[in-house]
Amino acid sequence: KQEWHTAALAEREIMRSKMKGTGFAIFYGAHAKGIAAYLKGSNLSVTLEEADGLLKTFLIMYGLEAVQKKWVEAVERNRAIKTALGMPVLLSPDQNASTKAVNTFVQGSSAEMSKIALANWYKLKTQKGMQAKVVNFVHDELQILCPIAEQMEVIKDLSYCGREASFIILPSQTQLN
């Protein structure tokens, strides 16, 4: 019985890792081929058919199938997609519509959220008279130079500003439907 329980837990952990990797790959616009490649890089080899099944399961489980379909149709119709705040991004005809629809929305909206969070943090740190300074900000990497005494407050304030920005950017479930 113990061996069966251990085997079941190991299998559950493998499936959890596959679904987690699938979610990560989907949010970067991957489809079955990209999911299989991503999971292979994480030592979780799956066939193309298994990757397609993981993709379908994930989209259905999280109610994203209709959202993704709407984005793809918009891209195929207009060769453009809008970010969460409505900024249109034009796509070239040679780009895969479904992959670019998801990737562009996620990446563009993430950039908008990051800029809002950083602007709000700058206002907050200025109001508090903090000495912290942004040294570098590229994509999802932020480097801040600050006195050690401010370090924990900077982390706390940045986390707060990021959460607040996400409420502005991320659509609610009712907006998605």
Protein backbone atom coordinates (compact mmCIF):
# COMPACT_ATOMS: atom_id res chain seq x y z
CA LYS A 1 0.00 0.00 0.00
CA GLN A 2 2.84 2.40 0.82
CA GLU A 3 4.46 1.85 -2.61
CA TRP A 4 1.14 2.56 -4.35
CA HIS A 5 0.65 5.75 -2.32
CA THR A 6 4.20 6.94 -3.10
CA ALA A 7 3.75 6.17 -6.81
CA ALA A 8 0.42 8.02 -6.86
CA LEU A 9 2.00 11.08 -5.20
CA ALA A 10 4.90 11.02 -7.67
CA GLU A 11 2.49 10.81 -10.63
CA ARG A 12 0.41 13.66 -9.19
CA GLU A 13 3.53 15.81 -8.87
CA ILE A 14 4.52 15.08 -12.47
CA MET A 15 1.03 16.05 -13.71
CA ARG A 16 1.10 19.19 -11.56
CA SER A 17 4.46 20.15 -13.06
CA LYS A 18 3.15 19.50 -16.58
CA MET A 19 0.08 21.68 -16.02
CA LYS A 20 2.18 24.42 -14.41
CA GLY A 21 4.56 24.35 -17.37
CA THR A 22 1.63 24.31 -19.77
CA GLY A 23 0.15 27.39 -18.13
CA PHE A 24 3.46 29.20 -18.30
CA ALA A 25 3.92 28.29 -21.97
CA ILE A 26 0.34 29.30 -22.86
CA PHE A 27 0.75 32.71 -21.31
CA TYR A 28 3.69 33.27 -23.61
CA GLY A 29 1.56 32.28 -26.60
CA ALA A 30 2.69 28.68 -27.05
CA HIS A 31 0.56 25.99 -28.61
CA ALA A 32 1.06 22.22 -28.52
CA LYS A 33 4.47 22.28 -30.24
CA GLY A 34 5.75 25.06 -27.96
CA ILE A 35 4.34 23.37 -24.87
CA ALA A 36 6.06 20.10 -25.78
CA ALA A 37 9.36 21.94 -26.32
CA TYR A 38 9.01 23.89 -23.05
CA LEU A 39 8.21 20.77 -21.04
CA LYS A 40 11.09 18.89 -22.68
CA GLY A 41 13.40 21.67 -21.49
CA SER A 42 12.04 21.07 -18.00
CA ASN A 43 12.74 17.30 -18.24
CA LEU A 44 9.03 16.55 -18.67
CA SER A 45 8.86 14.99 -22.13
CA VAL A 46 5.42 14.73 -23.71
CA THR A 47 4.26 13.84 -27.19
CA LEU A 48 2.69 16.47 -29.41
CA GLU A 49 -0.70 14.80 -28.81
CA GLU A 50 -0.20 14.93 -25.03
CA ALA A 51 0.80 18.59 -25.26
CA ASP A 52 -2.34 19.32 -27.29
CA GLY A 53 -4.43 17.56 -24.61
CA LEU A 54 -2.73 19.58 -21.85
CA LEU A 55 -3.42 22.79 -23.78
CA LYS A 56 -7.11 21.98 -24.25
CA THR A 57 -7.50 20.88 -20.64
CA PHE A 58 -5.85 24.04 -19.32
CA LEU A 59 -7.94 26.37 -21.51
CA ILE A 60 -11.18 24.66 -20.51
CA MET A 61 -10.30 24.40 -16.79
CA TYR A 62 -9.57 28.11 -16.50
CA GLY A 63 -12.28 29.37 -18.85
CA LEU A 64 -9.75 30.75 -21.31
CA GLU A 65 -10.90 28.93 -24.43
CA ALA A 66 -13.45 31.59 -25.40
CA VAL A 67 -11.06 34.44 -24.52
CA GLN A 68 -8.28 33.00 -26.66
CA LYS A 69 -10.70 32.41 -29.54
CA LYS A 70 -11.88 36.04 -29.35
CA TRP A 71 -8.28 37.32 -29.45
CA VAL A 72 -7.36 35.07 -32.37
CA GLU A 73 -10.41 36.17 -34.36
CA ALA A 74 -9.53 39.83 -33.73
CA VAL A 75 -5.96 39.27 -34.90
CA GLU A 76 -7.03 37.36 -38.00
CA ARG A 77 -9.60 40.06 -38.86
CA ASN A 78 -7.51 43.17 -38.10
CA ARG A 79 -3.89 41.92 -37.96
CA ALA A 80 -3.80 43.71 -34.62
CA ILE A 81 -4.63 43.09 -31.00
CA LYS A 82 -5.17 45.52 -28.16
CA THR A 83 -3.47 45.33 -24.80
CA ALA A 84 -5.50 45.44 -21.60
CA LEU A 85 -5.46 49.25 -21.65
CA GLY A 86 -6.44 49.35 -25.32
CA MET A 87 -3.11 50.05 -27.04
CA PRO A 88 -3.29 48.50 -30.51
CA VAL A 89 -0.33 46.40 -31.61
CA LEU A 90 -0.08 45.67 -35.33
CA LEU A 91 1.15 42.26 -36.40
CA SER A 92 2.81 41.39 -39.68
CA PRO A 93 0.97 38.93 -41.96
CA ASP A 94 3.68 36.30 -41.54
CA GLN A 95 3.13 36.01 -37.78
CA ASN A 96 1.01 33.12 -36.45
CA ALA A 97 -2.26 34.74 -35.37
CA SER A 98 -3.12 32.55 -32.41
CA THR A 99 0.38 32.54 -30.92
CA LYS A 100 0.86 36.28 -31.37
CA ALA A 101 -2.64 37.08 -30.08
CA VAL A 102 -1.94 35.56 -26.68
CA ASN A 103 1.71 36.58 -26.47
CA THR A 104 1.08 40.20 -27.49
CA PHE A 105 -1.81 40.65 -25.10
CA VAL A 106 0.12 39.14 -22.17
CA GLN A 107 3.43 40.87 -22.87
CA GLY A 108 1.89 44.24 -23.79
CA SER A 109 -0.44 44.23 -20.79
CA SER A 110 2.39 43.19 -18.48
CA ALA A 111 4.47 46.11 -19.73
CA GLU A 112 1.57 48.48 -19.06
CA MET A 113 1.12 47.06 -15.57
CA SER A 114 4.84 47.38 -14.83
CA LYS A 115 4.93 51.02 -15.95
CA ILE A 116 1.89 51.90 -13.84
CA ALA A 117 3.35 50.12 -10.79
CA LEU A 118 6.72 51.84 -11.21
CA ALA A 119 5.14 55.29 -11.66
CA ASN A 120 3.00 54.79 -8.55
CA TRP A 121 6.01 53.55 -6.57
CA TYR A 122 8.01 56.61 -7.64
CA LYS A 123 5.25 58.92 -6.36
CA LEU A 124 5.05 56.95 -3.09
CA LYS A 125 8.80 56.91 -2.47
CA THR A 126 8.97 60.65 -3.24
CA GLN A 127 6.17 61.37 -0.76
CA LYS A 128 8.04 59.36 1.88
CA GLY A 129 11.32 61.11 1.12
CA MET A 130 13.08 57.84 0.33
CA GLN A 131 16.49 57.86 -1.36
CA ALA A 132 15.89 54.74 -3.47
CA LYS A 133 16.56 55.12 -7.20
CA VAL A 134 15.71 52.97 -10.20
CA VAL A 135 18.98 51.91 -11.83
CA ASN A 136 17.58 49.67 -14.56
CA PHE A 137 14.18 48.52 -15.76
CA VAL A 138 13.95 46.10 -18.70
CA HIS A 139 10.96 43.84 -19.35
CA ASP A 140 10.41 42.08 -16.02
CA GLU A 141 13.66 43.01 -14.32
CA LEU A 142 13.92 45.97 -12.00
CA GLN A 143 17.11 47.06 -10.27
CA ILE A 144 16.93 49.59 -7.47
CA LEU A 145 19.73 51.21 -5.58
CA CYS A 146 18.78 52.12 -2.01
CA PRO A 147 20.21 52.44 1.47
CA ILE A 148 19.99 49.16 3.42
CA ALA A 149 17.67 50.86 5.90
CA GLU A 150 15.11 51.38 3.08
CA GLN A 151 15.41 47.91 1.54
CA MET A 152 12.43 46.21 3.20
CA GLU A 153 10.18 49.24 2.74
CA VAL A 154 11.11 49.42 -0.97
CA ILE A 155 10.21 45.75 -1.41
CA LYS A 156 6.93 46.18 0.48
CA ASP A 157 5.98 49.32 -1.46
CA LEU A 158 6.87 47.82 -4.85
CA SER A 159 4.79 44.73 -4.06
CA TYR A 160 1.87 46.93 -3.06
CA CYS A 161 2.14 49.08 -6.21
CA GLY A 162 2.36 45.95 -8.39
CA ARG A 163 -0.78 44.47 -6.85
CA GLU A 164 -2.65 47.76 -7.26
CA ALA A 165 -1.57 48.04 -10.90
CA SER A 166 -2.77 44.49 -11.56
CA PHE A 167 -6.27 45.46 -10.43
CA ILE A 168 -6.28 48.19 -13.08
CA ILE A 169 -4.90 46.00 -15.85
CA LEU A 170 -6.22 42.49 -15.36
CA PRO A 171 -9.76 41.90 -16.59
CA SER A 172 -12.25 40.43 -14.17
CA GLN A 173 -14.00 37.17 -15.02
CA THR A 174 -17.15 39.08 -15.97
CA GLN A 175 -15.19 41.25 -18.44
CA LEU A 176 -13.74 38.12 -20.05
CA ASN A 177 -17.19 36.62 -20.63
